[in-house]
Amino acid sequence: MANIFLKKKAVFVWSGGKDSALALYQILQDANYQVTHLLTTVNQQLNRVTMHGVRTSLLAQQAQALQLPLVQVRVPENPSMAEYEQVMAAAFQQLKDTGVTVAVFGDIFLEDLRAYREQQMQQIGLQAVFPLWQKSTTALINQFVQLKFKAVLVCLHAAYFPETYAGQEINADFLKNLPASVDPCGENGEYHSFVYDGPIFGHPVNFTRGETLLRTYAPPKNQSTENTADPDPPYSFWFIDLK
């Protein structure tokens, strides 16, 4: 008897970090979906993954180890919202034209971000799926380690971490020494990571640790610092250059 059950074709929105890896692991276990592509936004000026600062050469090696085709959506360093949405919509539309009906995201808690993603996907005609949604970040990071994923810290909020944490492994020792003010999965932007091995990888991604840089950014525009005795300082992040 012919199998009449057809899996939904899905694009996975891949950052290269731990949340993405765990969400991809979970969606690959779900018989309802077939992941056909990874999609990652890339800073076209720096040729690096947006937010994480990882080189696209390592991103490509991740995709190869995961045995999934990679779509790089190249965006300007400081795009307007309209520019960003136009480029992203075009990429998702092209995937939809190949039969993709689902977009998978690794978000956990941010309600406004989920609502935005769902709205954007609805306009294109895709279903947005969130495998990790509202799960305990403590449970998730412990599962990540227990599954023997391997990852290093690549971007660290300097208000929470000293430079020495850059390039460190996410393991039991890291979790034991994590500051109490930091969400276990870095859900408030405290840290980002690069995953180089794990149960969904065909082989480890080889890399070396390079120099560490401190980059400072202005506070968000919607955060007013006027008429305060102690205005919010700029945001500083440690980035380690993996090669």
C-alpha atoms as a PDB file:
ATOM      1  CA  MET A   1       0.000   0.000   0.000  1.00  0.00           C
ATOM      2  CA  ALA A   2       1.422   3.399  -0.981  1.00  0.00           C
ATOM      3  CA  ASN A   3       2.407   5.793   1.777  1.00  0.00           C
ATOM      4  CA  ILE A   4      -0.019   8.680   1.503  1.00  0.00           C
ATOM      5  CA  PHE A   5       1.548  10.682   4.325  1.00  0.00           C
ATOM      6  CA  LEU A   6       3.637  13.537   2.998  1.00  0.00           C
ATOM      7  CA  LYS A   7       5.975  15.507   5.214  1.00  0.00           C
ATOM      8  CA  LYS A   8       5.818  19.281   5.078  1.00  0.00           C
ATOM      9  CA  LYS A   9       8.910  20.746   3.471  1.00  0.00           C
ATOM     10  CA  ALA A  10      10.598  23.191   5.829  1.00  0.00           C
ATOM     11  CA  VAL A  11      13.344  25.782   5.745  1.00  0.00           C
ATOM     12  CA  PHE A  12      15.243  26.105   9.013  1.00  0.00           C
ATOM     13  CA  VAL A  13      16.323  29.632   9.961  1.00  0.00           C
ATOM     14  CA  TRP A  14      19.852  28.867  11.164  1.00  0.00           C
ATOM     15  CA  SER A  15      22.049  31.153  13.277  1.00  0.00           C
ATOM     16  CA  GLY A  16      24.824  28.638  13.845  1.00  0.00           C
ATOM     17  CA  GLY A  17      24.374  28.771  17.622  1.00  0.00           C
ATOM     18  CA  LYS A  18      23.137  26.442  20.342  1.00  0.00           C
ATOM     19  CA  ASP A  19      19.407  27.318  20.182  1.00  0.00           C
ATOM     20  CA  SER A  20      19.399  26.706  16.442  1.00  0.00           C
ATOM     21  CA  ALA A  21      21.193  23.393  16.830  1.00  0.00           C
ATOM     22  CA  LEU A  22      18.803  22.155  19.504  1.00  0.00           C
ATOM     23  CA  ALA A  23      15.722  23.321  17.591  1.00  0.00           C
ATOM     24  CA  LEU A  24      17.018  21.649  14.419  1.00  0.00           C
ATOM     25  CA  TYR A  25      17.680  18.461  16.378  1.00  0.00           C
ATOM     26  CA  GLN A  26      14.090  18.454  17.607  1.00  0.00           C
ATOM     27  CA  ILE A  27      12.463  19.250  14.259  1.00  0.00           C
ATOM     28  CA  LEU A  28      14.492  16.494  12.588  1.00  0.00           C
ATOM     29  CA  GLN A  29      12.873  14.029  15.031  1.00  0.00           C
ATOM     30  CA  ASP A  30       9.381  15.194  14.021  1.00  0.00           C
ATOM     31  CA  ALA A  31       7.810  12.971  11.390  1.00  0.00           C
ATOM     32  CA  ASN A  32       5.629  15.854  10.171  1.00  0.00           C
ATOM     33  CA  TYR A  33       8.515  17.811   8.633  1.00  0.00           C
ATOM     34  CA  GLN A  34      11.318  17.417   6.122  1.00  0.00           C
ATOM     35  CA  VAL A  35      13.999  20.088   6.460  1.00  0.00           C
ATOM     36  CA  THR A  36      15.186  20.921   2.956  1.00  0.00           C
ATOM     37  CA  HIS A  37      17.303  24.045   3.521  1.00  0.00           C
ATOM     38  CA  LEU A  38      19.085  26.172   6.080  1.00  0.00           C
ATOM     39  CA  LEU A  39      18.686  29.949   5.810  1.00  0.00           C
ATOM     40  CA  THR A  40      21.053  32.434   7.472  1.00  0.00           C
ATOM     41  CA  THR A  41      21.294  36.218   7.323  1.00  0.00           C
ATOM     42  CA  VAL A  42      24.804  37.477   6.578  1.00  0.00           C
ATOM     43  CA  ASN A  43      26.359  40.925   6.889  1.00  0.00           C
ATOM     44  CA  GLN A  44      27.388  41.565   3.289  1.00  0.00           C
ATOM     45  CA  GLN A  45      30.057  44.120   4.213  1.00  0.00           C
ATOM     46  CA  LEU A  46      31.803  41.943   6.810  1.00  0.00           C
ATOM     47  CA  ASN A  47      30.929  38.582   5.232  1.00  0.00           C
ATOM     48  CA  ARG A  48      29.930  37.253   8.632  1.00  0.00           C
ATOM     49  CA  VAL A  49      26.794  35.877  10.281  1.00  0.00           C
ATOM     50  CA  THR A  50      24.744  38.776  11.633  1.00  0.00           C
ATOM     51  CA  MET A  51      24.859  39.171  15.433  1.00  0.00           C
ATOM     52  CA  HIS A  52      27.202  36.228  15.966  1.00  0.00           C
ATOM     53  CA  GLY A  53      30.088  37.582  13.884  1.00  0.00           C
ATOM     54  CA  VAL A  54      31.104  34.123  12.598  1.00  0.00           C
ATOM     55  CA  ARG A  55      32.833  33.908   9.210  1.00  0.00           C
ATOM     56  CA  THR A  56      30.697  32.604   6.353  1.00  0.00           C
ATOM     57  CA  SER A  57      33.394  30.016   5.597  1.00  0.00           C
ATOM     58  CA  LEU A  58      32.608  28.359   8.939  1.00  0.00           C
ATOM     59  CA  LEU A  59      28.871  28.751   8.325  1.00  0.00           C
ATOM     60  CA  ALA A  60      29.299  26.850   5.052  1.00  0.00           C
ATOM     61  CA  GLN A  61      31.229  24.124   6.862  1.00  0.00           C
ATOM     62  CA  GLN A  62      28.390  23.777   9.371  1.00  0.00           C
ATOM     63  CA  ALA A  63      25.889  23.303   6.549  1.00  0.00           C
ATOM     64  CA  GLN A  64      28.146  20.719   4.922  1.00  0.00           C
ATOM     65  CA  ALA A  65      28.462  18.795   8.193  1.00  0.00           C
ATOM     66  CA  LEU A  66      24.675  18.960   8.618  1.00  0.00           C
ATOM     67  CA  GLN A  67      24.214  17.806   5.014  1.00  0.00           C
ATOM     68  CA  LEU A  68      21.699  20.543   4.248  1.00  0.00           C
ATOM     69  CA  PRO A  69      21.779  23.152   1.463  1.00  0.00           C
ATOM     70  CA  LEU A  70      22.506  26.653   2.766  1.00  0.00           C
ATOM     71  CA  VAL A  71      20.804  29.860   1.638  1.00  0.00           C
ATOM     72  CA  GLN A  72      22.748  32.974   2.638  1.00  0.00           C
ATOM     73  CA  VAL A  73      20.596  36.095   2.745  1.00  0.00           C
ATOM     74  CA  ARG A  74      23.059  38.955   2.405  1.00  0.00           C
ATOM     75  CA  VAL A  75      21.947  42.196   4.039  1.00  0.00           C
ATOM     76  CA  PRO A  76      23.644  45.605   4.452  1.00  0.00           C
ATOM     77  CA  GLU A  77      25.418  46.250   7.749  1.00  0.00           C
ATOM     78  CA  ASN A  78      22.743  48.711   8.886  1.00  0.00           C
ATOM     79  CA  PRO A  79      19.665  48.033   6.741  1.00  0.00           C
ATOM     80  CA  SER A  80      16.397  49.847   7.159  1.00  0.00           C
ATOM     81  CA  MET A  81      13.491  47.666   8.233  1.00  0.00           C
ATOM     82  CA  ALA A  82      12.022  47.973   4.745  1.00  0.00           C
ATOM     83  CA  GLU A  83      15.298  46.836   3.119  1.00  0.00           C
ATOM     84  CA  TYR A  84      15.630  43.915   5.507  1.00  0.00           C
ATOM     85  CA  GLU A  85      12.060  42.739   4.996  1.00  0.00           C
ATOM     86  CA  GLN A  86      12.317  43.017   1.221  1.00  0.00           C
ATOM     87  CA  VAL A  87      15.463  40.880   1.035  1.00  0.00           C
ATOM     88  CA  MET A  88      14.118  38.294   3.468  1.00  0.00           C
ATOM     89  CA  ALA A  89      10.745  38.070   1.740  1.00  0.00           C
ATOM     90  CA  ALA A  90      12.442  37.439  -1.602  1.00  0.00           C
ATOM     91  CA  ALA A  91      14.509  34.596  -0.123  1.00  0.00           C
ATOM     92  CA  PHE A  92      11.515  32.931   1.515  1.00  0.00           C
ATOM     93  CA  GLN A  93       9.430  33.334  -1.642  1.00  0.00           C
ATOM     94  CA  GLN A  94      12.091  31.537  -3.688  1.00  0.00           C
ATOM     95  CA  LEU A  95      12.034  28.671  -1.206  1.00  0.00           C
ATOM     96  CA  LYS A  96       8.245  28.588  -1.253  1.00  0.00           C
ATOM     97  CA  ASP A  97       8.404  28.245  -5.029  1.00  0.00           C
ATOM     98  CA  THR A  98      10.393  25.005  -4.528  1.00  0.00           C
ATOM     99  CA  GLY A  99       7.632  23.511  -2.379  1.00  0.00           C
ATOM    100  CA  VAL A 100       8.620  24.741   1.089  1.00  0.00           C
ATOM    101  CA  THR A 101       5.562  25.431   3.253  1.00  0.00           C
ATOM    102  CA  VAL A 102       7.099  25.841   6.719  1.00  0.00           C
ATOM    103  CA  ALA A 103       9.756  28.094   8.281  1.00  0.00           C
ATOM    104  CA  VAL A 104      11.309  26.851  11.537  1.00  0.00           C
ATOM    105  CA  PHE A 105      12.771  29.210  14.148  1.00  0.00           C
ATOM    106  CA  GLY A 106      14.735  28.606  17.357  1.00  0.00           C
ATOM    107  CA  ASP A 107      13.117  31.364  19.448  1.00  0.00           C
ATOM    108  CA  ILE A 108      12.186  30.537  23.044  1.00  0.00           C
ATOM    109  CA  PHE A 109      10.543  33.443  24.886  1.00  0.00           C
ATOM    110  CA  LEU A 110      10.360  36.719  22.961  1.00  0.00           C
ATOM    111  CA  GLU A 111       6.647  37.210  22.277  1.00  0.00           C
ATOM    112  CA  ASP A 112       7.042  40.291  20.079  1.00  0.00           C
ATOM    113  CA  LEU A 113       9.668  38.571  17.923  1.00  0.00           C
ATOM    114  CA  ARG A 114       7.485  35.510  17.459  1.00  0.00           C
ATOM    115  CA  ALA A 115       4.511  37.690  16.508  1.00  0.00           C
ATOM    116  CA  TYR A 116       6.675  39.541  13.981  1.00  0.00           C
ATOM    117  CA  ARG A 117       7.965  36.315  12.436  1.00  0.00           C
ATOM    118  CA  GLU A 118       4.465  34.859  12.195  1.00  0.00           C
ATOM    119  CA  GLN A 119       3.192  38.011  10.531  1.00  0.00           C
ATOM    120  CA  GLN A 120       6.014  38.029   7.975  1.00  0.00           C
ATOM    121  CA  MET A 121       5.621  34.334   7.179  1.00  0.00           C
ATOM    122  CA  GLN A 122       1.837  34.683   6.860  1.00  0.00           C
ATOM    123  CA  GLN A 123       2.299  37.394   4.235  1.00  0.00           C
ATOM    124  CA  ILE A 124       4.443  35.007   2.193  1.00  0.00           C
ATOM    125  CA  GLY A 125       2.150  32.044   2.782  1.00  0.00           C
ATOM    126  CA  LEU A 126       4.414  29.995   5.058  1.00  0.00           C
ATOM    127  CA  GLN A 127       3.673  28.449   8.448  1.00  0.00           C
ATOM    128  CA  ALA A 128       6.039  29.503  11.271  1.00  0.00           C
ATOM    129  CA  VAL A 129       7.057  26.716  13.683  1.00  0.00           C
ATOM    130  CA  PHE A 130       8.923  27.126  16.996  1.00  0.00           C
ATOM    131  CA  PRO A 131      10.157  23.799  18.456  1.00  0.00           C
ATOM    132  CA  LEU A 132      11.659  25.360  21.619  1.00  0.00           C
ATOM    133  CA  TRP A 133       8.862  27.797  22.396  1.00  0.00           C
ATOM    134  CA  GLN A 134       8.408  28.591  26.130  1.00  0.00           C
ATOM    135  CA  LYS A 135      10.521  25.679  27.282  1.00  0.00           C
ATOM    136  CA  SER A 136      12.725  26.086  30.352  1.00  0.00           C
ATOM    137  CA  THR A 137      16.059  27.569  29.292  1.00  0.00           C
ATOM    138  CA  THR A 138      17.742  25.687  32.143  1.00  0.00           C
ATOM    139  CA  ALA A 139      16.318  22.412  30.837  1.00  0.00           C
ATOM    140  CA  LEU A 140      17.254  23.291  27.247  1.00  0.00           C
ATOM    141  CA  ILE A 141      20.890  24.144  27.930  1.00  0.00           C
ATOM    142  CA  ASN A 142      21.270  21.019  30.067  1.00  0.00           C
ATOM    143  CA  GLN A 143      19.773  18.940  27.257  1.00  0.00           C
ATOM    144  CA  PHE A 144      22.182  20.591  24.820  1.00  0.00           C
ATOM    145  CA  VAL A 145      25.153  19.489  26.918  1.00  0.00           C
ATOM    146  CA  GLN A 146      23.733  16.027  27.670  1.00  0.00           C
ATOM    147  CA  LEU A 147      23.218  15.382  23.943  1.00  0.00           C
ATOM    148  CA  LYS A 148      26.952  16.067  23.544  1.00  0.00           C
ATOM    149  CA  PHE A 149      26.631  19.083  21.315  1.00  0.00           C
ATOM    150  CA  LYS A 150      29.882  21.035  21.175  1.00  0.00           C
ATOM    151  CA  ALA A 151      29.881  24.842  21.045  1.00  0.00           C
ATOM    152  CA  VAL A 152      32.074  27.807  21.918  1.00  0.00           C
ATOM    153  CA  LEU A 153      31.145  31.321  23.004  1.00  0.00           C
ATOM    154  CA  VAL A 154      31.668  33.814  20.174  1.00  0.00           C
ATOM    155  CA  CYS A 155      29.822  36.969  21.265  1.00  0.00           C
ATOM    156  CA  LEU A 156      29.549  38.105  24.885  1.00  0.00           C
ATOM    157  CA  HIS A 157      27.819  41.089  26.457  1.00  0.00           C
ATOM    158  CA  ALA A 158      30.652  42.825  28.324  1.00  0.00           C
ATOM    159  CA  ALA A 159      28.294  43.828  31.147  1.00  0.00           C
ATOM    160  CA  TYR A 160      27.993  40.140  32.066  1.00  0.00           C
ATOM    161  CA  PHE A 161      31.215  38.475  30.926  1.00  0.00           C
ATOM    162  CA  PRO A 162      34.925  39.334  30.965  1.00  0.00           C
ATOM    163  CA  GLU A 163      37.060  38.870  27.871  1.00  0.00           C
ATOM    164  CA  THR A 164      38.383  35.542  29.175  1.00  0.00           C
ATOM    165  CA  TYR A 165      35.042  33.840  28.445  1.00  0.00           C
ATOM    166  CA  ALA A 166      35.394  34.416  24.688  1.00  0.00           C
ATOM    167  CA  GLY A 167      36.064  31.118  22.957  1.00  0.00           C
ATOM    168  CA  GLN A 168      35.213  28.997  25.982  1.00  0.00           C
ATOM    169  CA  GLU A 169      33.260  25.766  25.581  1.00  0.00           C
ATOM    170  CA  ILE A 170      29.626  25.455  26.594  1.00  0.00           C
ATOM    171  CA  ASN A 171      29.847  22.528  29.000  1.00  0.00           C
ATOM    172  CA  ALA A 172      29.032  21.526  32.562  1.00  0.00           C
ATOM    173  CA  ASP A 173      31.741  23.795  33.958  1.00  0.00           C
ATOM    174  CA  PHE A 174      30.375  26.780  32.019  1.00  0.00           C
ATOM    175  CA  LEU A 175      26.856  26.136  33.338  1.00  0.00           C
ATOM    176  CA  LYS A 176      28.143  25.738  36.899  1.00  0.00           C
ATOM    177  CA  ASN A 177      29.920  29.108  36.782  1.00  0.00           C
ATOM    178  CA  LEU A 178      27.262  31.020  34.847  1.00  0.00           C
ATOM    179  CA  PRO A 179      26.466  34.337  36.577  1.00  0.00           C
ATOM    180  CA  ALA A 180      23.054  34.320  38.264  1.00  0.00           C
ATOM    181  CA  SER A 181      22.015  37.397  36.282  1.00  0.00           C
ATOM    182  CA  VAL A 182      22.491  35.593  32.954  1.00  0.00           C
ATOM    183  CA  ASP A 183      19.723  33.542  31.363  1.00  0.00           C
ATOM    184  CA  PRO A 184      21.034  29.967  30.884  1.00  0.00           C
ATOM    185  CA  CYS A 185      20.429  30.208  27.117  1.00  0.00           C
ATOM    186  CA  GLY A 186      21.382  33.886  26.864  1.00  0.00           C
ATOM    187  CA  GLU A 187      17.807  34.774  25.927  1.00  0.00           C
ATOM    188  CA  ASN A 188      18.360  38.433  26.832  1.00  0.00           C
ATOM    189  CA  GLY A 189      21.293  38.760  24.451  1.00  0.00           C
ATOM    190  CA  GLU A 190      23.940  37.953  27.050  1.00  0.00           C
ATOM    191  CA  TYR A 191      25.868  35.603  24.781  1.00  0.00           C
ATOM    192  CA  HIS A 192      25.900  33.845  21.408  1.00  0.00           C
ATOM    193  CA  SER A 193      27.672  30.667  20.362  1.00  0.00           C
ATOM    194  CA  PHE A 194      29.066  28.645  17.480  1.00  0.00           C
ATOM    195  CA  VAL A 195      28.166  24.943  17.365  1.00  0.00           C
ATOM    196  CA  TYR A 196      30.810  22.759  15.774  1.00  0.00           C
ATOM    197  CA  ASP A 197      29.704  19.194  16.553  1.00  0.00           C
ATOM    198  CA  GLY A 198      26.822  17.132  17.896  1.00  0.00           C
ATOM    199  CA  PRO A 199      24.351  14.351  17.127  1.00  0.00           C
ATOM    200  CA  ILE A 200      23.054  16.040  13.949  1.00  0.00           C
ATOM    201  CA  PHE A 201      26.549  16.675  12.539  1.00  0.00           C
ATOM    202  CA  GLY A 202      28.137  14.213  10.159  1.00  0.00           C
ATOM    203  CA  HIS A 203      31.564  15.347  11.355  1.00  0.00           C
ATOM    204  CA  PRO A 204      33.026  18.132  13.517  1.00  0.00           C
ATOM    205  CA  VAL A 205      33.708  21.571  12.019  1.00  0.00           C
ATOM    206  CA  ASN A 206      37.389  22.406  12.366  1.00  0.00           C
ATOM    207  CA  PHE A 207      38.334  25.912  13.481  1.00  0.00           C
ATOM    208  CA  THR A 208      40.974  27.867  15.362  1.00  0.00           C
ATOM    209  CA  ARG A 209      40.535  30.681  17.855  1.00  0.00           C
ATOM    210  CA  GLY A 210      41.807  34.079  16.736  1.00  0.00           C
ATOM    211  CA  GLU A 211      41.919  37.485  18.369  1.00  0.00           C
ATOM    212  CA  THR A 212      39.235  38.907  20.637  1.00  0.00           C
ATOM    213  CA  LEU A 213      37.816  42.379  19.981  1.00  0.00           C
ATOM    214  CA  LEU A 214      35.526  44.675  21.970  1.00  0.00           C
ATOM    215  CA  ARG A 215      32.863  46.414  19.892  1.00  0.00           C
ATOM    216  CA  THR A 216      30.604  49.145  21.277  1.00  0.00           C
ATOM    217  CA  TYR A 217      27.163  50.070  20.001  1.00  0.00           C
ATOM    218  CA  ALA A 218      24.751  52.883  20.807  1.00  0.00           C
ATOM    219  CA  PRO A 219      21.726  52.043  23.012  1.00  0.00           C
ATOM    220  CA  PRO A 220      18.530  51.125  21.147  1.00  0.00           C
ATOM    221  CA  LYS A 221      16.824  54.161  19.651  1.00  0.00           C
ATOM    222  CA  ASN A 222      13.596  53.491  21.537  1.00  0.00           C
ATOM    223  CA  GLN A 223      15.406  53.610  24.854  1.00  0.00           C
ATOM    224  CA  SER A 224      15.478  57.211  26.039  1.00  0.00           C
ATOM    225  CA  THR A 225      18.456  58.476  28.013  1.00  0.00           C
ATOM    226  CA  GLU A 226      17.302  62.064  28.293  1.00  0.00           C
ATOM    227  CA  ASN A 227      16.744  63.821  31.617  1.00  0.00           C
ATOM    228  CA  THR A 228      18.379  61.079  33.679  1.00  0.00           C
ATOM    229  CA  ALA A 229      21.216  61.487  36.121  1.00  0.00           C
ATOM    230  CA  ASP A 230      22.717  58.186  35.025  1.00  0.00           C
ATOM    231  CA  PRO A 231      21.964  57.624  31.320  1.00  0.00           C
ATOM    232  CA  ASP A 232      22.270  54.137  29.880  1.00  0.00           C
ATOM    233  CA  PRO A 233      25.794  53.453  28.649  1.00  0.00           C
ATOM    234  CA  PRO A 234      26.610  52.122  25.189  1.00  0.00           C
ATOM    235  CA  TYR A 235      26.414  48.374  24.716  1.00  0.00           C
ATOM    236  CA  SER A 236      29.769  46.586  24.445  1.00  0.00           C
ATOM    237  CA  PHE A 237      30.358  43.036  23.247  1.00  0.00           C
ATOM    238  CA  TRP A 238      33.384  40.774  23.111  1.00  0.00           C
ATOM    239  CA  PHE A 239      33.789  38.971  19.783  1.00  0.00           C
ATOM    240  CA  ILE A 240      36.284  36.215  19.155  1.00  0.00           C
ATOM    241  CA  ASP A 241      37.383  35.643  15.566  1.00  0.00           C
ATOM    242  CA  LEU A 242      37.102  31.972  14.695  1.00  0.00           C
ATOM    243  CA  LYS A 243      38.982  30.876  11.595  1.00  0.00           C
END
